[in-house]
Amino acid sequence: MKDYQRQLEKLRADAAECRLISDLATDPAKRDLFDRLALRLSTLADQVELAMIDAVKSARG
């Protein structure tokens, strides 16, 4: 479970970094690219978090 937690934290940090780069980018194409990356990484983080919750519920019975 700790491995999942580390991956979740990394995905959230990477998403935040992409969001920052998107906000600071002056080139519209780069802004759009990093915005999409941030959204995708956030979605992946949400999926990992849901999987963790499901695993805990399953373990508890």
PDB file of N, CA and C in Angstrom:
ATOM      1  N   MET A   1       0.829  -1.198   0.000  1.00  0.00           N
ATOM      2  CA  MET A   1       0.000   0.000   0.000  1.00  0.00           C
ATOM      3  C   MET A   1       0.872   1.260   0.000  1.00  0.00           C
ATOM      4  N   LYS A   2       2.030   1.182   0.637  1.00  0.00           N
ATOM      5  CA  LYS A   2       2.913   2.346   0.682  1.00  0.00           C
ATOM      6  C   LYS A   2       3.386   2.723  -0.717  1.00  0.00           C
ATOM      7  N   ASP A   3       3.587   1.701  -1.569  1.00  0.00           N
ATOM      8  CA  ASP A   3       4.008   1.967  -2.941  1.00  0.00           C
ATOM      9  C   ASP A   3       2.928   2.751  -3.682  1.00  0.00           C
ATOM     10  N   TYR A   4       1.673   2.358  -3.470  1.00  0.00           N
ATOM     11  CA  TYR A   4       0.567   3.095  -4.084  1.00  0.00           C
ATOM     12  C   TYR A   4       0.540   4.539  -3.587  1.00  0.00           C
ATOM     13  N   GLN A   5       0.760   4.713  -2.301  1.00  0.00           N
ATOM     14  CA  GLN A   5       0.750   6.059  -1.715  1.00  0.00           C
ATOM     15  C   GLN A   5       1.851   6.920  -2.322  1.00  0.00           C
ATOM     16  N   ARG A   6       3.044   6.344  -2.490  1.00  0.00           N
ATOM     17  CA  ARG A   6       4.147   7.098  -3.103  1.00  0.00           C
ATOM     18  C   ARG A   6       3.813   7.478  -4.539  1.00  0.00           C
ATOM     19  N   GLN A   7       3.234   6.551  -5.274  1.00  0.00           N
ATOM     20  CA  GLN A   7       2.867   6.837  -6.660  1.00  0.00           C
ATOM     21  C   GLN A   7       1.776   7.905  -6.730  1.00  0.00           C
ATOM     22  N   LEU A   8       0.836   7.820  -5.814  1.00  0.00           N
ATOM     23  CA  LEU A   8      -0.224   8.821  -5.762  1.00  0.00           C
ATOM     24  C   LEU A   8       0.353  10.210  -5.512  1.00  0.00           C
ATOM     25  N   GLU A   9       1.252  10.306  -4.541  1.00  0.00           N
ATOM     26  CA  GLU A   9       1.872  11.590  -4.235  1.00  0.00           C
ATOM     27  C   GLU A   9       2.677  12.122  -5.423  1.00  0.00           C
ATOM     28  N   LYS A  10       3.386  11.224  -6.119  1.00  0.00           N
ATOM     29  CA  LYS A  10       4.170  11.645  -7.281  1.00  0.00           C
ATOM     30  C   LYS A  10       3.262  12.137  -8.400  1.00  0.00           C
ATOM     31  N   LEU A  11       2.177  11.423  -8.654  1.00  0.00           N
ATOM     32  CA  LEU A  11       1.240  11.856  -9.692  1.00  0.00           C
ATOM     33  C   LEU A  11       0.655  13.230  -9.368  1.00  0.00           C
ATOM     34  N   ARG A  12       0.278  13.434  -8.111  1.00  0.00           N
ATOM     35  CA  ARG A  12      -0.287  14.736  -7.716  1.00  0.00           C
ATOM     36  C   ARG A  12       0.753  15.848  -7.850  1.00  0.00           C
ATOM     37  N   ALA A  13       2.002  15.565  -7.466  1.00  0.00           N
ATOM     38  CA  ALA A  13       3.064  16.569  -7.588  1.00  0.00           C
ATOM     39  C   ALA A  13       3.353  16.880  -9.053  1.00  0.00           C
ATOM     40  N   ASP A  14       3.393  15.850  -9.880  1.00  0.00           N
ATOM     41  CA  ASP A  14       3.639  16.062 -11.313  1.00  0.00           C
ATOM     42  C   ASP A  14       2.496  16.852 -11.947  1.00  0.00           C
ATOM     43  N   ALA A  15       1.274  16.559 -11.546  1.00  0.00           N
ATOM     44  CA  ALA A  15       0.120  17.293 -12.072  1.00  0.00           C
ATOM     45  C   ALA A  15       0.206  18.772 -11.683  1.00  0.00           C
ATOM     46  N   ALA A  16       0.582  19.033 -10.438  1.00  0.00           N
ATOM     47  CA  ALA A  16       0.710  20.420  -9.975  1.00  0.00           C
ATOM     48  C   ALA A  16       1.817  21.145 -10.741  1.00  0.00           C
ATOM     49  N   GLU A  17       2.906  20.444 -11.000  1.00  0.00           N
ATOM     50  CA  GLU A  17       4.007  21.050 -11.748  1.00  0.00           C
ATOM     51  C   GLU A  17       3.585  21.369 -13.184  1.00  0.00           C
ATOM     52  N   CYS A  18       2.865  20.451 -13.801  1.00  0.00           N
ATOM     53  CA  CYS A  18       2.368  20.706 -15.155  1.00  0.00           C
ATOM     54  C   CYS A  18       1.389  21.880 -15.171  1.00  0.00           C
ATOM     55  N   ARG A  19       0.560  21.959 -14.149  1.00  0.00           N
ATOM     56  CA  ARG A  19      -0.393  23.077 -14.059  1.00  0.00           C
ATOM     57  C   ARG A  19       0.363  24.401 -13.953  1.00  0.00           C
ATOM     58  N   LEU A  20       1.412  24.436 -13.152  1.00  0.00           N
ATOM     59  CA  LEU A  20       2.221  25.642 -13.002  1.00  0.00           C
ATOM     60  C   LEU A  20       2.884  26.019 -14.327  1.00  0.00           C
ATOM     61  N   ILE A  21       3.466  25.038 -14.999  1.00  0.00           N
ATOM     62  CA  ILE A  21       4.106  25.305 -16.287  1.00  0.00           C
ATOM     63  C   ILE A  21       3.069  25.833 -17.276  1.00  0.00           C
ATOM     64  N   SER A  22       1.894  25.235 -17.276  1.00  0.00           N
ATOM     65  CA  SER A  22       0.823  25.689 -18.157  1.00  0.00           C
ATOM     66  C   SER A  22       0.452  27.145 -17.872  1.00  0.00           C
ATOM     67  N   ASP A  23       0.356  27.469 -16.588  1.00  0.00           N
ATOM     68  CA  ASP A  23      -0.012  28.833 -16.200  1.00  0.00           C
ATOM     69  C   ASP A  23       1.054  29.851 -16.599  1.00  0.00           C
ATOM     70  N   LEU A  24       2.316  29.425 -16.604  1.00  0.00           N
ATOM     71  CA  LEU A  24       3.409  30.346 -16.904  1.00  0.00           C
ATOM     72  C   LEU A  24       3.782  30.395 -18.377  1.00  0.00           C
ATOM     73  N   ALA A  25       3.340  29.423 -19.153  1.00  0.00           N
ATOM     74  CA  ALA A  25       3.722  29.348 -20.561  1.00  0.00           C
ATOM     75  C   ALA A  25       3.130  30.512 -21.348  1.00  0.00           C
ATOM     76  N   THR A  26       3.955  31.067 -22.220  1.00  0.00           N
ATOM     77  CA  THR A  26       3.474  32.148 -23.089  1.00  0.00           C
ATOM     78  C   THR A  26       3.050  31.612 -24.451  1.00  0.00           C
ATOM     79  N   ASP A  27       3.573  30.468 -24.815  1.00  0.00           N
ATOM     80  CA  ASP A  27       3.213  29.838 -26.087  1.00  0.00           C
ATOM     81  C   ASP A  27       1.898  29.077 -25.903  1.00  0.00           C
ATOM     82  N   PRO A  28       0.878  29.421 -26.685  1.00  0.00           N
ATOM     83  CA  PRO A  28      -0.428  28.752 -26.520  1.00  0.00           C
ATOM     84  C   PRO A  28      -0.372  27.231 -26.690  1.00  0.00           C
ATOM     85  N   ALA A  29       0.476  26.744 -27.578  1.00  0.00           N
ATOM     86  CA  ALA A  29       0.570  25.296 -27.782  1.00  0.00           C
ATOM     87  C   ALA A  29       1.154  24.616 -26.541  1.00  0.00           C
ATOM     88  N   LYS A  30       2.178  25.217 -25.953  1.00  0.00           N
ATOM     89  CA  LYS A  30       2.765  24.660 -24.738  1.00  0.00           C
ATOM     90  C   LYS A  30       1.788  24.754 -23.579  1.00  0.00           C
ATOM     91  N   ARG A  31       1.071  25.862 -23.502  1.00  0.00           N
ATOM     92  CA  ARG A  31       0.077  26.030 -22.444  1.00  0.00           C
ATOM     93  C   ARG A  31      -0.969  24.921 -22.521  1.00  0.00           C
ATOM     94  N   ASP A  32      -1.438  24.666 -23.730  1.00  0.00           N
ATOM     95  CA  ASP A  32      -2.451  23.631 -23.932  1.00  0.00           C
ATOM     96  C   ASP A  32      -1.889  22.246 -23.616  1.00  0.00           C
ATOM     97  N   LEU A  33      -0.679  21.969 -24.067  1.00  0.00           N
ATOM     98  CA  LEU A  33      -0.057  20.681 -23.818  1.00  0.00           C
ATOM     99  C   LEU A  33       0.069  20.407 -22.319  1.00  0.00           C
ATOM    100  N   PHE A  34       0.608  21.364 -21.572  1.00  0.00           N
ATOM    101  CA  PHE A  34       0.803  21.148 -20.146  1.00  0.00           C
ATOM    102  C   PHE A  34      -0.517  21.148 -19.384  1.00  0.00           C
ATOM    103  N   ASP A  35      -1.497  21.852 -19.894  1.00  0.00           N
ATOM    104  CA  ASP A  35      -2.823  21.801 -19.285  1.00  0.00           C
ATOM    105  C   ASP A  35      -3.412  20.392 -19.437  1.00  0.00           C
ATOM    106  N   ARG A  36      -3.275  19.819 -20.639  1.00  0.00           N
ATOM    107  CA  ARG A  36      -3.776  18.464 -20.867  1.00  0.00           C
ATOM    108  C   ARG A  36      -3.005  17.437 -20.043  1.00  0.00           C
ATOM    109  N   LEU A  37      -1.693  17.620 -19.927  1.00  0.00           N
ATOM    110  CA  LEU A  37      -0.893  16.720 -19.098  1.00  0.00           C
ATOM    111  C   LEU A  37      -1.326  16.783 -17.628  1.00  0.00           C
ATOM    112  N   ALA A  38      -1.554  17.981 -17.141  1.00  0.00           N
ATOM    113  CA  ALA A  38      -1.996  18.144 -15.751  1.00  0.00           C
ATOM    114  C   ALA A  38      -3.334  17.446 -15.531  1.00  0.00           C
ATOM    115  N   LEU A  39      -4.231  17.604 -16.465  1.00  0.00           N
ATOM    116  CA  LEU A  39      -5.542  16.967 -16.348  1.00  0.00           C
ATOM    117  C   LEU A  39      -5.410  15.447 -16.358  1.00  0.00           C
ATOM    118  N   ARG A  40      -4.580  14.922 -17.255  1.00  0.00           N
ATOM    119  CA  ARG A  40      -4.407  13.475 -17.355  1.00  0.00           C
ATOM    120  C   ARG A  40      -3.757  12.907 -16.088  1.00  0.00           C
ATOM    121  N   LEU A  41      -2.749  13.591 -15.595  1.00  0.00           N
ATOM    122  CA  LEU A  41      -2.082  13.123 -14.375  1.00  0.00           C
ATOM    123  C   LEU A  41      -3.022  13.182 -13.176  1.00  0.00           C
ATOM    124  N   SER A  42      -3.846  14.201 -13.114  1.00  0.00           N
ATOM    125  CA  SER A  42      -4.829  14.299 -12.026  1.00  0.00           C
ATOM    126  C   SER A  42      -5.839  13.159 -12.111  1.00  0.00           C
ATOM    127  N   THR A  43      -6.254  12.844 -13.315  1.00  0.00           N
ATOM    128  CA  THR A  43      -7.188  11.736 -13.515  1.00  0.00           C
ATOM    129  C   THR A  43      -6.557  10.410 -13.082  1.00  0.00           C
ATOM    130  N   LEU A  44      -5.301  10.200 -13.459  1.00  0.00           N
ATOM    131  CA  LEU A  44      -4.603   8.981 -13.049  1.00  0.00           C
ATOM    132  C   LEU A  44      -4.474   8.915 -11.530  1.00  0.00           C
ATOM    133  N   ALA A  45      -4.165  10.035 -10.912  1.00  0.00           N
ATOM    134  CA  ALA A  45      -4.053  10.072  -9.447  1.00  0.00           C
ATOM    135  C   ALA A  45      -5.395   9.723  -8.805  1.00  0.00           C
ATOM    136  N   ASP A  46      -6.471  10.245  -9.350  1.00  0.00           N
ATOM    137  CA  ASP A  46      -7.799   9.920  -8.825  1.00  0.00           C
ATOM    138  C   ASP A  46      -8.085   8.426  -8.938  1.00  0.00           C
ATOM    139  N   GLN A  47      -7.684   7.826 -10.050  1.00  0.00           N
ATOM    140  CA  GLN A  47      -7.913   6.396 -10.245  1.00  0.00           C
ATOM    141  C   GLN A  47      -7.088   5.566  -9.266  1.00  0.00           C
ATOM    142  N   VAL A  48      -5.855   5.954  -9.028  1.00  0.00           N
ATOM    143  CA  VAL A  48      -5.014   5.251  -8.057  1.00  0.00           C
ATOM    144  C   VAL A  48      -5.631   5.364  -6.666  1.00  0.00           C
ATOM    145  N   GLU A  49      -6.101   6.549  -6.335  1.00  0.00           N
ATOM    146  CA  GLU A  49      -6.711   6.752  -5.019  1.00  0.00           C
ATOM    147  C   GLU A  49      -7.963   5.878  -4.846  1.00  0.00           C
ATOM    148  N   LEU A  50      -8.778   5.816  -5.876  1.00  0.00           N
ATOM    149  CA  LEU A  50      -9.968   4.960  -5.803  1.00  0.00           C
ATOM    150  C   LEU A  50      -9.587   3.492  -5.666  1.00  0.00           C
ATOM    151  N   ALA A  51      -8.543   3.066  -6.356  1.00  0.00           N
ATOM    152  CA  ALA A  51      -8.083   1.686  -6.247  1.00  0.00           C
ATOM    153  C   ALA A  51      -7.594   1.398  -4.834  1.00  0.00           C
ATOM    154  N   MET A  52      -6.927   2.356  -4.232  1.00  0.00           N
ATOM    155  CA  MET A  52      -6.460   2.194  -2.856  1.00  0.00           C
ATOM    156  C   MET A  52      -7.640   2.048  -1.902  1.00  0.00           C
ATOM    157  N   ILE A  53      -8.645   2.875  -2.075  1.00  0.00           N
ATOM    158  CA  ILE A  53      -9.831   2.814  -1.234  1.00  0.00           C
ATOM    159  C   ILE A  53     -10.528   1.467  -1.386  1.00  0.00           C
ATOM    160  N   ASP A  54     -10.660   1.010  -2.625  1.00  0.00           N
ATOM    161  CA  ASP A  54     -11.281  -0.285  -2.875  1.00  0.00           C
ATOM    162  C   ASP A  54     -10.480  -1.424  -2.247  1.00  0.00           C
ATOM    163  N   ALA A  55      -9.161  -1.334  -2.315  1.00  0.00           N
ATOM    164  CA  ALA A  55      -8.303  -2.375  -1.731  1.00  0.00           C
ATOM    165  C   ALA A  55      -8.473  -2.426  -0.215  1.00  0.00           C
ATOM    166  N   VAL A  56      -8.556  -1.269   0.414  1.00  0.00           N
ATOM    167  CA  VAL A  56      -8.746  -1.232   1.870  1.00  0.00           C
ATOM    168  C   VAL A  56     -10.101  -1.807   2.232  1.00  0.00           C
ATOM    169  N   LYS A  57     -11.128  -1.447   1.485  1.00  0.00           N
ATOM    170  CA  LYS A  57     -12.470  -1.970   1.773  1.00  0.00           C
ATOM    171  C   LYS A  57     -12.506  -3.486   1.603  1.00  0.00           C
ATOM    172  N   SER A  58     -11.846  -3.989   0.569  1.00  0.00           N
ATOM    173  CA  SER A  58     -11.820  -5.429   0.327  1.00  0.00           C
ATOM    174  C   SER A  58     -11.066  -6.171   1.423  1.00  0.00           C
ATOM    175  N   ALA A  59      -9.994  -5.557   1.892  1.00  0.00           N
ATOM    176  CA  ALA A  59      -9.185  -6.183   2.945  1.00  0.00           C
ATOM    177  C   ALA A  59      -9.949  -6.257   4.267  1.00  0.00           C
ATOM    178  N   ARG A  60     -10.808  -5.297   4.496  1.00  0.00           N
ATOM    179  CA  ARG A  60     -11.578  -5.251   5.746  1.00  0.00           C
ATOM    180  C   ARG A  60     -12.767  -6.223   5.710  1.00  0.00           C
ATOM    181  N   GLY A  61     -13.128  -6.601   4.491  1.00  0.00           N
ATOM    182  CA  GLY A  61     -14.188  -7.594   4.380  1.00  0.00           C
ATOM    183  C   GLY A  61     -15.490  -6.986   4.183  1.00  0.00           C
TER     184      GLY A  61
END
